Amino acid sequence: MEELLVSMAKGLVDEPDQVTVTTDPVNDEGIVVYHLHVAQDDMGRVIGKQGRIAKAIRTVMRATANRKDMKIQVDID
Protein backbone atom coordinates (compact mmCIF):
# COMPACT_ATOMS: atom_id res chain seq x y z
CA MET A 1 0.00 0.00 0.00
CA GLU A 2 2.81 2.39 0.86
CA GLU A 3 4.50 1.71 -2.47
CA LEU A 4 1.32 2.62 -4.37
CA LEU A 5 0.97 5.89 -2.48
CA VAL A 6 4.63 6.80 -3.00
CA SER A 7 4.53 6.00 -6.71
CA MET A 8 1.40 8.10 -7.25
CA ALA A 9 2.87 11.05 -5.35
CA LYS A 10 6.26 10.86 -7.08
CA GLY A 11 4.53 11.13 -10.45
CA LEU A 12 2.93 14.42 -9.41
CA VAL A 13 5.76 16.35 -7.76
CA ASP A 14 8.86 18.25 -8.90
CA GLU A 15 11.00 16.87 -6.07
CA PRO A 16 10.29 13.11 -5.93
CA ASP A 17 13.17 12.46 -3.54
CA GLN A 18 11.29 14.42 -0.85
CA VAL A 19 8.23 12.12 -0.94
CA THR A 20 7.90 9.96 2.17
CA VAL A 21 5.09 7.96 3.73
CA THR A 22 4.76 7.07 7.39
CA THR A 23 2.24 4.59 8.69
CA ASP A 24 0.48 4.56 12.03
CA PRO A 25 -0.40 1.20 13.56
CA VAL A 26 -3.99 0.01 13.35
CA ASN A 27 -6.16 2.08 15.69
CA ASP A 28 -9.13 0.95 17.81
CA GLU A 29 -11.51 1.25 14.84
CA GLY A 30 -9.31 -0.95 12.64
CA ILE A 31 -8.11 1.93 10.45
CA VAL A 32 -4.51 2.29 9.24
CA VAL A 33 -3.47 5.93 8.75
CA TYR A 34 -0.93 6.76 6.04
CA HIS A 35 0.79 10.16 6.27
CA LEU A 36 2.07 11.46 2.93
CA HIS A 37 4.88 14.01 3.25
CA VAL A 38 5.99 16.11 0.26
CA ALA A 39 8.10 19.24 -0.19
CA GLN A 40 6.32 22.46 0.71
CA ASP A 41 6.49 23.70 -2.89
CA ASP A 42 4.80 20.51 -4.12
CA MET A 43 1.83 20.66 -1.74
CA GLY A 44 -0.36 22.40 -4.29
CA ARG A 45 0.38 19.77 -6.92
CA VAL A 46 -0.60 16.92 -4.60
CA ILE A 47 -3.75 18.63 -3.31
CA GLY A 48 -4.90 20.07 -6.65
CA LYS A 49 -7.60 22.61 -7.37
CA GLN A 50 -10.32 22.33 -4.74
CA GLY A 51 -8.67 19.13 -3.48
CA ARG A 52 -9.51 17.08 -6.55
CA ILE A 53 -6.15 15.31 -6.82
CA ALA A 54 -6.06 14.57 -3.09
CA LYS A 55 -9.57 13.14 -3.34
CA ALA A 56 -8.55 10.98 -6.30
CA ILE A 57 -5.50 9.67 -4.41
CA ARG A 58 -7.68 8.78 -1.43
CA THR A 59 -10.23 7.08 -3.69
CA VAL A 60 -7.60 4.88 -5.35
CA MET A 61 -6.09 3.99 -1.99
CA ARG A 62 -9.49 3.16 -0.50
CA ALA A 63 -10.38 0.96 -3.49
CA THR A 64 -7.11 -0.93 -3.12
CA ALA A 65 -7.67 -1.32 0.62
CA ASN A 66 -11.18 -2.66 0.05
CA ARG A 67 -9.76 -5.44 -2.10
CA LYS A 68 -7.51 -6.40 0.81
CA ASP A 69 -10.29 -6.07 3.43
CA MET A 70 -8.56 -3.13 5.07
CA LYS A 71 -9.72 0.28 6.26
CA ILE A 72 -7.36 3.14 5.59
CA GLN A 73 -7.09 6.90 5.80
CA VAL A 74 -4.64 9.07 3.87
CA ASP A 75 -3.43 12.33 5.43
CA ILE A 76 -1.36 14.75 3.37
CA ASP A 77 1.14 16.64 5.52
PDB file of N, CA and C in Angstrom:
ATOM      1  N   MET A   1       0.823  -1.190   0.000  1.00  0.00           N
ATOM      2  CA  MET A   1       0.000   0.000   0.000  1.00  0.00           C
ATOM      3  C   MET A   1       0.873   1.263   0.000  1.00  0.00           C
ATOM      4  N   GLU A   2       1.923   1.231   0.813  1.00  0.00           N
ATOM      5  CA  GLU A   2       2.808   2.393   0.859  1.00  0.00           C
ATOM      6  C   GLU A   2       3.452   2.645  -0.494  1.00  0.00           C
ATOM      7  N   GLU A   3       3.841   1.567  -1.176  1.00  0.00           N
ATOM      8  CA  GLU A   3       4.503   1.711  -2.469  1.00  0.00           C
ATOM      9  C   GLU A   3       3.577   2.371  -3.485  1.00  0.00           C
ATOM     10  N   LEU A   4       2.300   2.017  -3.456  1.00  0.00           N
ATOM     11  CA  LEU A   4       1.324   2.617  -4.367  1.00  0.00           C
ATOM     12  C   LEU A   4       1.197   4.115  -4.099  1.00  0.00           C
ATOM     13  N   LEU A   5       1.102   4.487  -2.846  1.00  0.00           N
ATOM     14  CA  LEU A   5       0.968   5.890  -2.482  1.00  0.00           C
ATOM     15  C   LEU A   5       2.209   6.683  -2.878  1.00  0.00           C
ATOM     16  N   VAL A   6       3.380   6.120  -2.637  1.00  0.00           N
ATOM     17  CA  VAL A   6       4.627   6.795  -2.997  1.00  0.00           C
ATOM     18  C   VAL A   6       4.736   6.953  -4.509  1.00  0.00           C
ATOM     19  N   SER A   7       4.405   5.918  -5.252  1.00  0.00           N
ATOM     20  CA  SER A   7       4.530   5.999  -6.710  1.00  0.00           C
ATOM     21  C   SER A   7       3.556   7.017  -7.301  1.00  0.00           C
ATOM     22  N   MET A   8       2.345   7.093  -6.768  1.00  0.00           N
ATOM     23  CA  MET A   8       1.395   8.104  -7.254  1.00  0.00           C
ATOM     24  C   MET A   8       1.905   9.510  -6.956  1.00  0.00           C
ATOM     25  N   ALA A   9       2.405   9.715  -5.751  1.00  0.00           N
ATOM     26  CA  ALA A   9       2.868  11.046  -5.349  1.00  0.00           C
ATOM     27  C   ALA A   9       4.109  11.463  -6.131  1.00  0.00           C
ATOM     28  N   LYS A  10       5.034  10.532  -6.347  1.00  0.00           N
ATOM     29  CA  LYS A  10       6.263  10.862  -7.075  1.00  0.00           C
ATOM     30  C   LYS A  10       5.970  11.275  -8.509  1.00  0.00           C
ATOM     31  N   GLY A  11       4.909  10.755  -9.093  1.00  0.00           N
ATOM     32  CA  GLY A  11       4.532  11.133 -10.448  1.00  0.00           C
ATOM     33  C   GLY A  11       3.961  12.540 -10.539  1.00  0.00           C
ATOM     34  N   LEU A  12       3.573  13.105  -9.417  1.00  0.00           N
ATOM     35  CA  LEU A  12       2.933  14.421  -9.413  1.00  0.00           C
ATOM     36  C   LEU A  12       3.878  15.568  -9.070  1.00  0.00           C
ATOM     37  N   VAL A  13       4.946  15.283  -8.341  1.00  0.00           N
ATOM     38  CA  VAL A  13       5.756  16.354  -7.755  1.00  0.00           C
ATOM     39  C   VAL A  13       7.007  16.664  -8.571  1.00  0.00           C
ATOM     40  N   ASP A  14       7.603  17.842  -8.275  1.00  0.00           N
ATOM     41  CA  ASP A  14       8.863  18.248  -8.899  1.00  0.00           C
ATOM     42  C   ASP A  14      10.066  17.671  -8.162  1.00  0.00           C
ATOM     43  N   GLU A  15       9.906  17.399  -6.881  1.00  0.00           N
ATOM     44  CA  GLU A  15      10.997  16.867  -6.073  1.00  0.00           C
ATOM     45  C   GLU A  15      10.619  15.482  -5.527  1.00  0.00           C
ATOM     46  N   PRO A  16      10.725  14.439  -6.362  1.00  0.00           N
ATOM     47  CA  PRO A  16      10.286  13.109  -5.930  1.00  0.00           C
ATOM     48  C   PRO A  16      11.124  12.508  -4.805  1.00  0.00           C
ATOM     49  N   ASP A  17      12.350  12.989  -4.624  1.00  0.00           N
ATOM     50  CA  ASP A  17      13.171  12.458  -3.539  1.00  0.00           C
ATOM     51  C   ASP A  17      12.694  12.921  -2.165  1.00  0.00           C
ATOM     52  N   GLN A  18      11.825  13.906  -2.116  1.00  0.00           N
ATOM     53  CA  GLN A  18      11.288  14.423  -0.851  1.00  0.00           C
ATOM     54  C   GLN A  18       9.995  13.718  -0.422  1.00  0.00           C
ATOM     55  N   VAL A  19       9.484  12.815  -1.247  1.00  0.00           N
ATOM     56  CA  VAL A  19       8.232  12.124  -0.941  1.00  0.00           C
ATOM     57  C   VAL A  19       8.506  10.998   0.058  1.00  0.00           C
ATOM     58  N   THR A  20       7.806  11.026   1.182  1.00  0.00           N
ATOM     59  CA  THR A  20       7.896   9.958   2.174  1.00  0.00           C
ATOM     60  C   THR A  20       6.502   9.629   2.685  1.00  0.00           C
ATOM     61  N   VAL A  21       6.360   8.396   3.146  1.00  0.00           N
ATOM     62  CA  VAL A  21       5.093   7.960   3.728  1.00  0.00           C
ATOM     63  C   VAL A  21       5.394   7.308   5.070  1.00  0.00           C
ATOM     64  N   THR A  22       4.677   7.728   6.090  1.00  0.00           N
ATOM     65  CA  THR A  22       4.764   7.071   7.392  1.00  0.00           C
ATOM     66  C   THR A  22       3.412   6.437   7.678  1.00  0.00           C
ATOM     67  N   THR A  23       3.451   5.350   8.414  1.00  0.00           N
ATOM     68  CA  THR A  23       2.235   4.594   8.688  1.00  0.00           C
ATOM     69  C   THR A  23       2.030   4.474  10.184  1.00  0.00           C
ATOM     70  N   ASP A  24       0.837   4.776  10.635  1.00  0.00           N
ATOM     71  CA  ASP A  24       0.482   4.561  12.030  1.00  0.00           C
ATOM     72  C   ASP A  24      -0.018   3.127  12.181  1.00  0.00           C
ATOM     73  N   PRO A  25       0.161   2.542  13.346  1.00  0.00           N
ATOM     74  CA  PRO A  25      -0.397   1.201  13.558  1.00  0.00           C
ATOM     75  C   PRO A  25      -1.923   1.249  13.532  1.00  0.00           C
ATOM     76  N   VAL A  26      -2.529   0.102  13.403  1.00  0.00           N
ATOM     77  CA  VAL A  26      -3.990   0.013  13.345  1.00  0.00           C
ATOM     78  C   VAL A  26      -4.576   0.568  14.633  1.00  0.00           C
ATOM     79  N   ASN A  27      -5.548   1.482  14.494  1.00  0.00           N
ATOM     80  CA  ASN A  27      -6.158   2.078  15.686  1.00  0.00           C
ATOM     81  C   ASN A  27      -7.312   1.218  16.194  1.00  0.00           C
ATOM     82  N   ASP A  28      -8.042   1.714  17.182  1.00  0.00           N
ATOM     83  CA  ASP A  28      -9.129   0.952  17.810  1.00  0.00           C
ATOM     84  C   ASP A  28     -10.256   0.619  16.837  1.00  0.00           C
ATOM     85  N   GLU A  29     -10.443   1.463  15.817  1.00  0.00           N
ATOM     86  CA  GLU A  29     -11.512   1.249  14.842  1.00  0.00           C
ATOM     87  C   GLU A  29     -11.068   0.363  13.681  1.00  0.00           C
ATOM     88  N   GLY A  30      -9.815  -0.085  13.700  1.00  0.00           N
ATOM     89  CA  GLY A  30      -9.306  -0.949  12.641  1.00  0.00           C
ATOM     90  C   GLY A  30      -8.828  -0.188  11.418  1.00  0.00           C
ATOM     91  N   ILE A  31      -8.518   1.091  11.574  1.00  0.00           N
ATOM     92  CA  ILE A  31      -8.106   1.933  10.452  1.00  0.00           C
ATOM     93  C   ILE A  31      -6.601   2.162  10.513  1.00  0.00           C
ATOM     94  N   VAL A  32      -5.937   1.989   9.359  1.00  0.00           N
ATOM     95  CA  VAL A  32      -4.514   2.288   9.242  1.00  0.00           C
ATOM     96  C   VAL A  32      -4.400   3.677   8.616  1.00  0.00           C
ATOM     97  N   VAL A  33      -3.623   4.556   9.240  1.00  0.00           N
ATOM     98  CA  VAL A  33      -3.474   5.925   8.751  1.00  0.00           C
ATOM     99  C   VAL A  33      -2.113   6.057   8.066  1.00  0.00           C
ATOM    100  N   TYR A  34      -2.141   6.494   6.805  1.00  0.00           N
ATOM    101  CA  TYR A  34      -0.932   6.761   6.037  1.00  0.00           C
ATOM    102  C   TYR A  34      -0.737   8.272   5.972  1.00  0.00           C
ATOM    103  N   HIS A  35       0.464   8.740   6.328  1.00  0.00           N
ATOM    104  CA  HIS A  35       0.793  10.157   6.275  1.00  0.00           C
ATOM    105  C   HIS A  35       1.727  10.381   5.094  1.00  0.00           C
ATOM    106  N   LEU A  36       1.277  11.141   4.109  1.00  0.00           N
ATOM    107  CA  LEU A  36       2.071  11.460   2.929  1.00  0.00           C
ATOM    108  C   LEU A  36       2.759  12.798   3.159  1.00  0.00           C
ATOM    109  N   HIS A  37       4.090  12.801   3.068  1.00  0.00           N
ATOM    110  CA  HIS A  37       4.875  14.014   3.252  1.00  0.00           C
ATOM    111  C   HIS A  37       5.536  14.367   1.926  1.00  0.00           C
ATOM    112  N   VAL A  38       5.354  15.617   1.477  1.00  0.00           N
ATOM    113  CA  VAL A  38       5.991  16.109   0.257  1.00  0.00           C
ATOM    114  C   VAL A  38       6.645  17.455   0.565  1.00  0.00           C
ATOM    115  N   ALA A  39       7.477  17.933  -0.351  1.00  0.00           N
ATOM    116  CA  ALA A  39       8.103  19.239  -0.186  1.00  0.00           C
ATOM    117  C   ALA A  39       7.023  20.322  -0.143  1.00  0.00           C
ATOM    118  N   GLN A  40       7.302  21.383   0.566  1.00  0.00           N
ATOM    119  CA  GLN A  40       6.322  22.464   0.711  1.00  0.00           C
ATOM    120  C   GLN A  40       5.887  23.032  -0.639  1.00  0.00           C
ATOM    121  N   ASP A  41       6.813  23.151  -1.570  1.00  0.00           N
ATOM    122  CA  ASP A  41       6.487  23.698  -2.888  1.00  0.00           C
ATOM    123  C   ASP A  41       5.596  22.759  -3.704  1.00  0.00           C
ATOM    124  N   ASP A  42       5.582  21.485  -3.367  1.00  0.00           N
ATOM    125  CA  ASP A  42       4.798  20.505  -4.115  1.00  0.00           C
ATOM    126  C   ASP A  42       3.422  20.244  -3.508  1.00  0.00           C
ATOM    127  N   MET A  43       3.114  20.888  -2.396  1.00  0.00           N
ATOM    128  CA  MET A  43       1.829  20.656  -1.739  1.00  0.00           C
ATOM    129  C   MET A  43       0.652  20.939  -2.661  1.00  0.00           C
ATOM    130  N   GLY A  44       0.723  22.033  -3.390  1.00  0.00           N
ATOM    131  CA  GLY A  44      -0.364  22.404  -4.292  1.00  0.00           C
ATOM    132  C   GLY A  44      -0.574  21.387  -5.394  1.00  0.00           C
ATOM    133  N   ARG A  45       0.498  20.785  -5.868  1.00  0.00           N
ATOM    134  CA  ARG A  45       0.385  19.775  -6.920  1.00  0.00           C
ATOM    135  C   ARG A  45      -0.301  18.513  -6.405  1.00  0.00           C
ATOM    136  N   VAL A  46      -0.023  18.144  -5.167  1.00  0.00           N
ATOM    137  CA  VAL A  46      -0.603  16.925  -4.603  1.00  0.00           C
ATOM    138  C   VAL A  46      -2.053  17.151  -4.197  1.00  0.00           C
ATOM    139  N   ILE A  47      -2.372  18.345  -3.735  1.00  0.00           N
ATOM    140  CA  ILE A  47      -3.746  18.628  -3.312  1.00  0.00           C
ATOM    141  C   ILE A  47      -4.622  18.943  -4.517  1.00  0.00           C
ATOM    142  N   GLY A  48      -4.131  19.741  -5.452  1.00  0.00           N
ATOM    143  CA  GLY A  48      -4.899  20.068  -6.651  1.00  0.00           C
ATOM    144  C   GLY A  48      -5.939  21.140  -6.392  1.00  0.00           C
ATOM    145  N   LYS A  49      -6.561  21.581  -7.478  1.00  0.00           N
ATOM    146  CA  LYS A  49      -7.601  22.607  -7.366  1.00  0.00           C
ATOM    147  C   LYS A  49      -8.794  22.026  -6.635  1.00  0.00           C
ATOM    148  N   GLN A  50      -9.196  22.716  -5.582  1.00  0.00           N
ATOM    149  CA  GLN A  50     -10.322  22.327  -4.742  1.00  0.00           C
ATOM    150  C   GLN A  50     -10.170  20.911  -4.196  1.00  0.00           C
ATOM    151  N   GLY A  51      -8.925  20.430  -4.072  1.00  0.00           N
ATOM    152  CA  GLY A  51      -8.667  19.125  -3.480  1.00  0.00           C
ATOM    153  C   GLY A  51      -8.984  17.946  -4.362  1.00  0.00           C
ATOM    154  N   ARG A  52      -9.112  18.169  -5.655  1.00  0.00           N
ATOM    155  CA  ARG A  52      -9.513  17.079  -6.553  1.00  0.00           C
ATOM    156  C   ARG A  52      -8.471  15.975  -6.643  1.00  0.00           C
ATOM    157  N   ILE A  53      -7.194  16.334  -6.709  1.00  0.00           N
ATOM    158  CA  ILE A  53      -6.152  15.312  -6.819  1.00  0.00           C
ATOM    159  C   ILE A  53      -6.047  14.540  -5.511  1.00  0.00           C
ATOM    160  N   ALA A  54      -6.108  15.242  -4.387  1.00  0.00           N
ATOM    161  CA  ALA A  54      -6.063  14.573  -3.087  1.00  0.00           C
ATOM    162  C   ALA A  54      -7.234  13.601  -2.951  1.00  0.00           C
ATOM    163  N   LYS A  55      -8.399  14.008  -3.394  1.00  0.00           N
ATOM    164  CA  LYS A  55      -9.572  13.142  -3.336  1.00  0.00           C
ATOM    165  C   LYS A  55      -9.386  11.918  -4.220  1.00  0.00           C
ATOM    166  N   ALA A  56      -8.791  12.101  -5.402  1.00  0.00           N
ATOM    167  CA  ALA A  56      -8.548  10.980  -6.304  1.00  0.00           C
ATOM    168  C   ALA A  56      -7.537  10.002  -5.698  1.00  0.00           C
ATOM    169  N   ILE A  57      -6.492  10.528  -5.067  1.00  0.00           N
ATOM    170  CA  ILE A  57      -5.500   9.669  -4.414  1.00  0.00           C
ATOM    171  C   ILE A  57      -6.171   8.849  -3.323  1.00  0.00           C
ATOM    172  N   ARG A  58      -6.990   9.498  -2.516  1.00  0.00           N
ATOM    173  CA  ARG A  58      -7.680   8.785  -1.430  1.00  0.00           C
ATOM    174  C   ARG A  58      -8.641   7.735  -1.976  1.00  0.00           C
ATOM    175  N   THR A  59      -9.303   8.029  -3.090  1.00  0.00           N
ATOM    176  CA  THR A  59     -10.233   7.078  -3.690  1.00  0.00           C
ATOM    177  C   THR A  59      -9.503   5.834  -4.179  1.00  0.00           C
ATOM    178  N   VAL A  60      -8.385   6.021  -4.855  1.00  0.00           N
ATOM    179  CA  VAL A  60      -7.601   4.880  -5.349  1.00  0.00           C
ATOM    180  C   VAL A  60      -7.090   4.043  -4.176  1.00  0.00           C
ATOM    181  N   MET A  61      -6.605   4.713  -3.156  1.00  0.00           N
ATOM    182  CA  MET A  61      -6.087   3.990  -1.993  1.00  0.00           C
ATOM    183  C   MET A  61      -7.200   3.224  -1.276  1.00  0.00           C
ATOM    184  N   ARG A  62      -8.366   3.835  -1.141  1.00  0.00           N
ATOM    185  CA  ARG A  62      -9.491   3.156  -0.497  1.00  0.00           C
ATOM    186  C   ARG A  62      -9.949   1.950  -1.299  1.00  0.00           C
ATOM    187  N   ALA A  63      -9.970   2.086  -2.630  1.00  0.00           N
ATOM    188  CA  ALA A  63     -10.377   0.961  -3.487  1.00  0.00           C
ATOM    189  C   ALA A  63      -9.401  -0.198  -3.356  1.00  0.00           C
ATOM    190  N   THR A  64      -8.126   0.114  -3.298  1.00  0.00           N
ATOM    191  CA  THR A  64      -7.111  -0.925  -3.120  1.00  0.00           C
ATOM    192  C   THR A  64      -7.248  -1.579  -1.749  1.00  0.00           C
ATOM    193  N   ALA A  65      -7.508  -0.782  -0.736  1.00  0.00           N
ATOM    194  CA  ALA A  65      -7.667  -1.319   0.619  1.00  0.00           C
ATOM    195  C   ALA A  65      -8.896  -2.211   0.712  1.00  0.00           C
ATOM    196  N   ASN A  66      -9.967  -1.842   0.028  1.00  0.00           N
ATOM    197  CA  ASN A  66     -11.178  -2.661   0.055  1.00  0.00           C
ATOM    198  C   ASN A  66     -10.932  -4.048  -0.514  1.00  0.00           C
ATOM    199  N   ARG A  67     -10.091  -4.133  -1.525  1.00  0.00           N
ATOM    200  CA  ARG A  67      -9.760  -5.442  -2.101  1.00  0.00           C
ATOM    201  C   ARG A  67      -9.005  -6.313  -1.115  1.00  0.00           C
ATOM    202  N   LYS A  68      -8.300  -5.675  -0.181  1.00  0.00           N
ATOM    203  CA  LYS A  68      -7.513  -6.404   0.811  1.00  0.00           C
ATOM    204  C   LYS A  68      -8.217  -6.456   2.167  1.00  0.00           C
ATOM    205  N   ASP A  69      -9.490  -6.099   2.198  1.00  0.00           N
ATOM    206  CA  ASP A  69     -10.288  -6.067   3.426  1.00  0.00           C
ATOM    207  C   ASP A  69      -9.633  -5.237   4.521  1.00  0.00           C
ATOM    208  N   MET A  70      -9.178  -4.054   4.135  1.00  0.00           N
ATOM    209  CA  MET A  70      -8.556  -3.125   5.073  1.00  0.00           C
ATOM    210  C   MET A  70      -9.348  -1.828   5.102  1.00  0.00           C
ATOM    211  N   LYS A  71      -9.188  -1.080   6.177  1.00  0.00           N
ATOM    212  CA  LYS A  71      -9.725   0.277   6.265  1.00  0.00           C
ATOM    213  C   LYS A  71      -8.533   1.202   6.396  1.00  0.00           C
ATOM    214  N   ILE A  72      -8.488   2.229   5.544  1.00  0.00           N
ATOM    215  CA  ILE A  72      -7.358   3.143   5.585  1.00  0.00           C
ATOM    216  C   ILE A  72      -7.822   4.589   5.554  1.00  0.00           C
ATOM    217  N   GLN A  73      -6.887   5.456   5.889  1.00  0.00           N
ATOM    218  CA  GLN A  73      -7.087   6.898   5.801  1.00  0.00           C
ATOM    219  C   GLN A  73      -5.777   7.490   5.318  1.00  0.00           C
ATOM    220  N   VAL A  74      -5.837   8.439   4.394  1.00  0.00           N
ATOM    221  CA  VAL A  74      -4.638   9.072   3.870  1.00  0.00           C
ATOM    222  C   VAL A  74      -4.643  10.536   4.296  1.00  0.00           C
ATOM    223  N   ASP A  75      -3.611  10.931   5.018  1.00  0.00           N
ATOM    224  CA  ASP A  75      -3.430  12.327   5.427  1.00  0.00           C
ATOM    225  C   ASP A  75      -2.259  12.900   4.658  1.00  0.00           C
ATOM    226  N   ILE A  76      -2.426  14.087   4.113  1.00  0.00           N
ATOM    227  CA  ILE A  76      -1.356  14.751   3.372  1.00  0.00           C
ATOM    228  C   ILE A  76      -0.786  15.840   4.263  1.00  0.00           C
ATOM    229  N   ASP A  77       0.479  15.686   4.626  1.00  0.00           N
ATOM    230  CA  ASP A  77       1.143  16.640   5.519  1.00  0.00           C
ATOM    231  C   ASP A  77       2.134  17.477   4.764  1.00  0.00           C
TER     232      ASP A  77
END
